[in-house]
Amino acid sequence: MIKFLVEFFGAMSLFLAIAQLSSNRLNLSIKIYQLQSVFLSMSILFIGIATFEFELYISSFLNLLIKAILIPFFLFKVVEKIKLDREVSMYLNITNSLLFSILIVIFSFYISNKIDITGEVIAKQIFPLSLGIIFIGIFIMISRKKALSQIIGFLTMENGILLAGTSLTKGMPMIVEIGVFFDVFVGVLMAGVLVFQIKTTVESIDTSRLSDLKE
């Protein structure tokens, strides 16, 4: 039952990563990331229960606090500050992005089958899901033009990395995980400030327009 719950929450995290590609509203994208972080926290929690690793309980709580509460709260404030909610600039439209995400998921499972994963059964079941989240996060970063959407893509990718690391290694040492969570949080704060500065300078958060800053 516990392994089923781990798989379920991991699969839902992948589904929400794909759902990001169907959203062209920044507020909705933040809410999807927030929900994905909740599912990720639950997956980490049940991995901890399955492996009897107490540190994973703490990791689950920190993930919930920072990624499901603090970071979304800050991103909502950034969207409110820049007075822009719709992502209208995409290198690929929503339909093509969703079709490409199918190829990404297939590729993720293909790659994971080529990797010999020893140890816990959980790792073999969760690793392809986490790979899919990582690749989709990267795809979001390169297929969207708005800086804030690219930040959400980075955060999605980071969620996949955390899920992969947790399933394969049963969690990193607690001091390392605290440092990673702190780095992600500070990085998002700095990125939010940068987004606001871009908006102030070129009156847009479309990164393709940064060429306007050339002398």
C-alpha atoms as a PDB file:
ATOM      1  CA  MET A   1       0.000   0.000   0.000  1.00  0.00           C
ATOM      2  CA  ILE A   2       2.811   2.417   0.878  1.00  0.00           C
ATOM      3  CA  LYS A   3       4.634   1.705  -2.377  1.00  0.00           C
ATOM      4  CA  PHE A   4       1.401   2.298  -4.268  1.00  0.00           C
ATOM      5  CA  LEU A   5       1.046   5.708  -2.586  1.00  0.00           C
ATOM      6  CA  VAL A   6       4.655   6.585  -3.440  1.00  0.00           C
ATOM      7  CA  GLU A   7       3.997   5.697  -7.074  1.00  0.00           C
ATOM      8  CA  PHE A   8       0.669   7.541  -7.090  1.00  0.00           C
ATOM      9  CA  PHE A   9       2.074  10.807  -5.754  1.00  0.00           C
ATOM     10  CA  GLY A  10       5.108  10.487  -8.052  1.00  0.00           C
ATOM     11  CA  ALA A  11       2.828   9.925 -11.062  1.00  0.00           C
ATOM     12  CA  MET A  12       0.679  12.902 -10.058  1.00  0.00           C
ATOM     13  CA  SER A  13       3.832  15.036  -9.854  1.00  0.00           C
ATOM     14  CA  LEU A  14       4.641  14.031 -13.440  1.00  0.00           C
ATOM     15  CA  PHE A  15       1.062  14.704 -14.545  1.00  0.00           C
ATOM     16  CA  LEU A  16       1.198  18.207 -13.047  1.00  0.00           C
ATOM     17  CA  ALA A  17       4.514  18.862 -14.794  1.00  0.00           C
ATOM     18  CA  ILE A  18       2.759  18.045 -18.079  1.00  0.00           C
ATOM     19  CA  ALA A  19      -0.189  20.219 -17.012  1.00  0.00           C
ATOM     20  CA  GLN A  20       2.228  23.150 -16.803  1.00  0.00           C
ATOM     21  CA  LEU A  21       2.539  22.962 -20.582  1.00  0.00           C
ATOM     22  CA  SER A  22      -1.205  23.475 -21.004  1.00  0.00           C
ATOM     23  CA  SER A  23      -1.256  26.659 -18.934  1.00  0.00           C
ATOM     24  CA  ASN A  24      -0.727  30.114 -20.395  1.00  0.00           C
ATOM     25  CA  ARG A  25      -1.583  31.956 -17.184  1.00  0.00           C
ATOM     26  CA  LEU A  26       1.183  32.668 -14.689  1.00  0.00           C
ATOM     27  CA  ASN A  27      -1.056  32.463 -11.615  1.00  0.00           C
ATOM     28  CA  LEU A  28      -2.349  29.064 -12.733  1.00  0.00           C
ATOM     29  CA  SER A  29       1.203  27.867 -13.414  1.00  0.00           C
ATOM     30  CA  ILE A  30       2.219  28.853  -9.884  1.00  0.00           C
ATOM     31  CA  LYS A  31      -0.791  27.002  -8.445  1.00  0.00           C
ATOM     32  CA  ILE A  32       0.111  23.897 -10.468  1.00  0.00           C
ATOM     33  CA  TYR A  33       3.691  24.079  -9.162  1.00  0.00           C
ATOM     34  CA  GLN A  34       2.343  24.531  -5.635  1.00  0.00           C
ATOM     35  CA  LEU A  35       0.178  21.420  -5.938  1.00  0.00           C
ATOM     36  CA  GLN A  36       3.032  19.483  -7.508  1.00  0.00           C
ATOM     37  CA  SER A  37       5.222  20.374  -4.530  1.00  0.00           C
ATOM     38  CA  VAL A  38       2.514  19.070  -2.180  1.00  0.00           C
ATOM     39  CA  PHE A  39       2.399  15.753  -4.050  1.00  0.00           C
ATOM     40  CA  LEU A  40       6.205  15.629  -4.050  1.00  0.00           C
ATOM     41  CA  SER A  41       6.245  16.155  -0.273  1.00  0.00           C
ATOM     42  CA  MET A  42       3.759  13.309   0.155  1.00  0.00           C
ATOM     43  CA  SER A  43       5.865  11.043  -2.066  1.00  0.00           C
ATOM     44  CA  ILE A  44       8.989  11.816  -0.015  1.00  0.00           C
ATOM     45  CA  LEU A  45       7.042  11.205   3.194  1.00  0.00           C
ATOM     46  CA  PHE A  46       5.895   7.760   2.088  1.00  0.00           C
ATOM     47  CA  ILE A  47       9.373   6.891   0.808  1.00  0.00           C
ATOM     48  CA  GLY A  48      10.546   7.701   4.336  1.00  0.00           C
ATOM     49  CA  ILE A  49       7.853   5.445   5.800  1.00  0.00           C
ATOM     50  CA  ALA A  50       8.763   2.631   3.404  1.00  0.00           C
ATOM     51  CA  THR A  51      12.507   2.881   4.082  1.00  0.00           C
ATOM     52  CA  PHE A  52      12.306   3.831   7.799  1.00  0.00           C
ATOM     53  CA  GLU A  53      14.381   6.961   7.164  1.00  0.00           C
ATOM     54  CA  PHE A  54      13.368   9.608   9.725  1.00  0.00           C
ATOM     55  CA  GLU A  55      15.311  12.327   7.924  1.00  0.00           C
ATOM     56  CA  LEU A  56      12.925  12.019   4.986  1.00  0.00           C
ATOM     57  CA  TYR A  57      10.093  13.151   7.276  1.00  0.00           C
ATOM     58  CA  ILE A  58      11.990  16.376   7.871  1.00  0.00           C
ATOM     59  CA  SER A  59      12.788  16.682   4.158  1.00  0.00           C
ATOM     60  CA  SER A  60       9.088  16.269   3.352  1.00  0.00           C
ATOM     61  CA  PHE A  61       8.165  19.013   5.831  1.00  0.00           C
ATOM     62  CA  LEU A  62      10.836  21.405   4.519  1.00  0.00           C
ATOM     63  CA  ASN A  63       9.752  20.750   0.944  1.00  0.00           C
ATOM     64  CA  LEU A  64       6.140  21.496   1.888  1.00  0.00           C
ATOM     65  CA  LEU A  65       7.063  24.672   3.772  1.00  0.00           C
ATOM     66  CA  ILE A  66       9.443  26.159   1.223  1.00  0.00           C
ATOM     67  CA  LYS A  67       8.112  24.939  -2.126  1.00  0.00           C
ATOM     68  CA  ALA A  68       4.385  24.705  -1.435  1.00  0.00           C
ATOM     69  CA  ILE A  69       4.021  27.796   0.758  1.00  0.00           C
ATOM     70  CA  LEU A  70       6.908  30.300   0.756  1.00  0.00           C
ATOM     71  CA  ILE A  71       8.011  30.181  -2.895  1.00  0.00           C
ATOM     72  CA  PRO A  72       4.456  30.289  -4.358  1.00  0.00           C
ATOM     73  CA  PHE A  73       3.586  33.162  -1.997  1.00  0.00           C
ATOM     74  CA  PHE A  74       6.571  35.123  -3.280  1.00  0.00           C
ATOM     75  CA  LEU A  75       5.820  34.307  -6.933  1.00  0.00           C
ATOM     76  CA  PHE A  76       2.199  35.428  -6.534  1.00  0.00           C
ATOM     77  CA  LYS A  77       3.504  38.728  -5.161  1.00  0.00           C
ATOM     78  CA  VAL A  78       5.825  39.098  -8.175  1.00  0.00           C
ATOM     79  CA  VAL A  79       2.929  38.496 -10.605  1.00  0.00           C
ATOM     80  CA  GLU A  80       0.861  41.058  -8.712  1.00  0.00           C
ATOM     81  CA  LYS A  81       3.736  43.539  -8.795  1.00  0.00           C
ATOM     82  CA  ILE A  82       4.440  43.245 -12.531  1.00  0.00           C
ATOM     83  CA  LYS A  83       0.685  43.273 -13.302  1.00  0.00           C
ATOM     84  CA  LEU A  84       0.969  40.493 -15.867  1.00  0.00           C
ATOM     85  CA  ASP A  85      -0.752  37.126 -15.659  1.00  0.00           C
ATOM     86  CA  ARG A  86      -0.877  35.744 -19.195  1.00  0.00           C
ATOM     87  CA  GLU A  87       1.964  34.001 -21.017  1.00  0.00           C
ATOM     88  CA  VAL A  88       1.365  34.897 -24.648  1.00  0.00           C
ATOM     89  CA  SER A  89       4.892  34.396 -25.933  1.00  0.00           C
ATOM     90  CA  MET A  90       5.792  30.774 -26.570  1.00  0.00           C
ATOM     91  CA  TYR A  91       8.230  29.178 -28.978  1.00  0.00           C
ATOM     92  CA  LEU A  92       5.762  26.259 -29.270  1.00  0.00           C
ATOM     93  CA  ASN A  93       2.000  26.458 -28.866  1.00  0.00           C
ATOM     94  CA  ILE A  94       0.158  24.458 -26.191  1.00  0.00           C
ATOM     95  CA  THR A  95      -0.921  21.632 -28.521  1.00  0.00           C
ATOM     96  CA  ASN A  96       2.591  20.999 -29.856  1.00  0.00           C
ATOM     97  CA  SER A  97       4.033  21.300 -26.343  1.00  0.00           C
ATOM     98  CA  LEU A  98       1.683  18.598 -25.020  1.00  0.00           C
ATOM     99  CA  LEU A  99       2.488  16.325 -27.961  1.00  0.00           C
ATOM    100  CA  PHE A 100       6.195  16.836 -27.319  1.00  0.00           C
ATOM    101  CA  SER A 101       5.679  16.031 -23.625  1.00  0.00           C
ATOM    102  CA  ILE A 102       4.419  12.568 -24.653  1.00  0.00           C
ATOM    103  CA  LEU A 103       7.700  11.974 -26.458  1.00  0.00           C
ATOM    104  CA  ILE A 104       9.576  13.218 -23.397  1.00  0.00           C
ATOM    105  CA  VAL A 105       7.792  10.738 -21.108  1.00  0.00           C
ATOM    106  CA  ILE A 106       8.403   7.850 -23.530  1.00  0.00           C
ATOM    107  CA  PHE A 107      12.068   8.841 -23.786  1.00  0.00           C
ATOM    108  CA  SER A 108      12.335   9.024 -19.971  1.00  0.00           C
ATOM    109  CA  PHE A 109      11.034   5.491 -19.527  1.00  0.00           C
ATOM    110  CA  TYR A 110      13.294   4.272 -22.346  1.00  0.00           C
ATOM    111  CA  ILE A 111      16.367   5.824 -20.733  1.00  0.00           C
ATOM    112  CA  SER A 112      15.468   4.478 -17.279  1.00  0.00           C
ATOM    113  CA  ASN A 113      15.164   0.954 -18.701  1.00  0.00           C
ATOM    114  CA  LYS A 114      18.716   1.267 -20.017  1.00  0.00           C
ATOM    115  CA  ILE A 115      20.041   2.188 -16.569  1.00  0.00           C
ATOM    116  CA  ASP A 116      20.720  -0.665 -14.175  1.00  0.00           C
ATOM    117  CA  ILE A 117      19.187   0.465 -10.887  1.00  0.00           C
ATOM    118  CA  THR A 118      19.947  -1.819  -7.969  1.00  0.00           C
ATOM    119  CA  GLY A 119      18.475  -1.734  -4.484  1.00  0.00           C
ATOM    120  CA  GLU A 120      15.000  -0.635  -3.548  1.00  0.00           C
ATOM    121  CA  VAL A 121      12.088  -1.455  -5.837  1.00  0.00           C
ATOM    122  CA  ILE A 122      10.816   2.071  -5.157  1.00  0.00           C
ATOM    123  CA  ALA A 123      13.808   3.544  -6.999  1.00  0.00           C
ATOM    124  CA  LYS A 124      13.064   1.508 -10.140  1.00  0.00           C
ATOM    125  CA  GLN A 125       9.440   2.635 -10.125  1.00  0.00           C
ATOM    126  CA  ILE A 126       9.988   6.309  -9.313  1.00  0.00           C
ATOM    127  CA  PHE A 127      13.148   7.049 -11.298  1.00  0.00           C
ATOM    128  CA  PRO A 128      11.475   7.163 -14.768  1.00  0.00           C
ATOM    129  CA  LEU A 129       8.773   9.455 -13.362  1.00  0.00           C
ATOM    130  CA  SER A 130      11.389  11.798 -11.923  1.00  0.00           C
ATOM    131  CA  LEU A 131      13.313  11.784 -15.224  1.00  0.00           C
ATOM    132  CA  GLY A 132      10.133  12.827 -17.004  1.00  0.00           C
ATOM    133  CA  ILE A 133       9.662  15.727 -14.569  1.00  0.00           C
ATOM    134  CA  ILE A 134      13.277  16.835 -15.062  1.00  0.00           C
ATOM    135  CA  PHE A 135      13.071  16.801 -18.857  1.00  0.00           C
ATOM    136  CA  ILE A 136       9.686  18.545 -18.906  1.00  0.00           C
ATOM    137  CA  GLY A 137      11.043  21.227 -16.572  1.00  0.00           C
ATOM    138  CA  ILE A 138      13.933  21.801 -18.979  1.00  0.00           C
ATOM    139  CA  PHE A 139      11.482  21.891 -21.887  1.00  0.00           C
ATOM    140  CA  ILE A 140       9.383  24.538 -20.111  1.00  0.00           C
ATOM    141  CA  MET A 141      12.497  26.649 -19.645  1.00  0.00           C
ATOM    142  CA  ILE A 142      13.396  26.600 -23.335  1.00  0.00           C
ATOM    143  CA  SER A 143       9.880  26.762 -24.809  1.00  0.00           C
ATOM    144  CA  ARG A 144       8.576  29.790 -22.873  1.00  0.00           C
ATOM    145  CA  LYS A 145       9.708  33.359 -23.352  1.00  0.00           C
ATOM    146  CA  LYS A 146       8.471  34.931 -20.115  1.00  0.00           C
ATOM    147  CA  ALA A 147      11.131  34.980 -17.407  1.00  0.00           C
ATOM    148  CA  LEU A 148       8.657  33.947 -14.712  1.00  0.00           C
ATOM    149  CA  SER A 149       7.564  30.908 -16.736  1.00  0.00           C
ATOM    150  CA  GLN A 150      11.214  29.945 -17.094  1.00  0.00           C
ATOM    151  CA  ILE A 151      11.624  30.192 -13.317  1.00  0.00           C
ATOM    152  CA  ILE A 152       8.669  27.830 -12.870  1.00  0.00           C
ATOM    153  CA  GLY A 153      10.299  25.479 -15.382  1.00  0.00           C
ATOM    154  CA  PHE A 154      13.492  25.518 -13.330  1.00  0.00           C
ATOM    155  CA  LEU A 155      11.552  24.805 -10.131  1.00  0.00           C
ATOM    156  CA  THR A 156       9.736  21.936 -11.858  1.00  0.00           C
ATOM    157  CA  MET A 157      13.075  20.493 -12.954  1.00  0.00           C
ATOM    158  CA  GLU A 158      14.411  20.840  -9.402  1.00  0.00           C
ATOM    159  CA  ASN A 159      11.400  18.925  -8.070  1.00  0.00           C
ATOM    160  CA  GLY A 160      12.262  16.090 -10.441  1.00  0.00           C
ATOM    161  CA  ILE A 161      15.882  16.084  -9.311  1.00  0.00           C
ATOM    162  CA  LEU A 162      14.805  15.937  -5.667  1.00  0.00           C
ATOM    163  CA  LEU A 163      12.429  13.041  -6.352  1.00  0.00           C
ATOM    164  CA  ALA A 164      15.117  11.144  -8.264  1.00  0.00           C
ATOM    165  CA  GLY A 165      17.715  11.700  -5.548  1.00  0.00           C
ATOM    166  CA  THR A 166      15.322  10.693  -2.795  1.00  0.00           C
ATOM    167  CA  SER A 167      14.238   7.479  -4.531  1.00  0.00           C
ATOM    168  CA  LEU A 168      17.790   6.431  -5.412  1.00  0.00           C
ATOM    169  CA  THR A 169      19.681   7.407  -2.266  1.00  0.00           C
ATOM    170  CA  LYS A 170      16.896   7.554   0.380  1.00  0.00           C
ATOM    171  CA  GLY A 171      17.732  11.207   0.843  1.00  0.00           C
ATOM    172  CA  MET A 172      20.959  13.156   1.194  1.00  0.00           C
ATOM    173  CA  PRO A 173      22.446  14.083   4.596  1.00  0.00           C
ATOM    174  CA  MET A 174      20.106  16.527   6.325  1.00  0.00           C
ATOM    175  CA  ILE A 175      22.610  19.391   6.394  1.00  0.00           C
ATOM    176  CA  VAL A 176      22.995  19.055   2.606  1.00  0.00           C
ATOM    177  CA  GLU A 177      19.225  19.029   2.030  1.00  0.00           C
ATOM    178  CA  ILE A 178      18.743  22.105   4.207  1.00  0.00           C
ATOM    179  CA  GLY A 179      21.441  23.851   2.196  1.00  0.00           C
ATOM    180  CA  VAL A 180      19.767  22.878  -1.097  1.00  0.00           C
ATOM    181  CA  PHE A 181      16.348  24.104   0.065  1.00  0.00           C
ATOM    182  CA  PHE A 182      17.903  27.370   1.235  1.00  0.00           C
ATOM    183  CA  ASP A 183      19.750  27.823  -2.085  1.00  0.00           C
ATOM    184  CA  VAL A 184      16.560  27.224  -4.083  1.00  0.00           C
ATOM    185  CA  PHE A 185      14.599  29.687  -1.963  1.00  0.00           C
ATOM    186  CA  VAL A 186      17.251  32.409  -2.174  1.00  0.00           C
ATOM    187  CA  GLY A 187      17.637  31.731  -5.906  1.00  0.00           C
ATOM    188  CA  VAL A 188      13.920  32.266  -6.467  1.00  0.00           C
ATOM    189  CA  LEU A 189      14.015  35.490  -4.442  1.00  0.00           C
ATOM    190  CA  MET A 190      16.885  36.795  -6.571  1.00  0.00           C
ATOM    191  CA  ALA A 191      15.160  35.668  -9.774  1.00  0.00           C
ATOM    192  CA  GLY A 192      11.958  37.443  -8.724  1.00  0.00           C
ATOM    193  CA  VAL A 193      13.878  40.666  -8.176  1.00  0.00           C
ATOM    194  CA  LEU A 194      15.525  40.191 -11.570  1.00  0.00           C
ATOM    195  CA  VAL A 195      12.127  39.698 -13.240  1.00  0.00           C
ATOM    196  CA  PHE A 196      10.901  42.957 -11.732  1.00  0.00           C
ATOM    197  CA  GLN A 197      14.031  44.767 -12.941  1.00  0.00           C
ATOM    198  CA  ILE A 198      13.568  43.357 -16.459  1.00  0.00           C
ATOM    199  CA  LYS A 199       9.959  44.548 -16.424  1.00  0.00           C
ATOM    200  CA  THR A 200      11.077  48.001 -15.293  1.00  0.00           C
ATOM    201  CA  THR A 201      13.871  48.243 -17.864  1.00  0.00           C
ATOM    202  CA  VAL A 202      12.292  46.915 -21.056  1.00  0.00           C
ATOM    203  CA  GLU A 203       8.630  47.038 -19.960  1.00  0.00           C
ATOM    204  CA  SER A 204       8.302  43.298 -20.538  1.00  0.00           C
ATOM    205  CA  ILE A 205       9.416  40.020 -18.952  1.00  0.00           C
ATOM    206  CA  ASP A 206       9.858  38.440 -22.378  1.00  0.00           C
ATOM    207  CA  THR A 207      13.507  37.301 -22.296  1.00  0.00           C
ATOM    208  CA  SER A 208      13.681  37.396 -26.100  1.00  0.00           C
ATOM    209  CA  ARG A 209      13.490  41.187 -25.844  1.00  0.00           C
ATOM    210  CA  LEU A 210      16.672  41.467 -23.759  1.00  0.00           C
ATOM    211  CA  SER A 211      18.487  42.120 -27.020  1.00  0.00           C
ATOM    212  CA  ASP A 212      16.936  45.614 -26.796  1.00  0.00           C
ATOM    213  CA  LEU A 213      19.484  46.324 -24.080  1.00  0.00           C
ATOM    214  CA  LYS A 214      22.392  46.080 -26.527  1.00  0.00           C
ATOM    215  CA  GLU A 215      24.231  49.265 -27.219  1.00  0.00           C
END
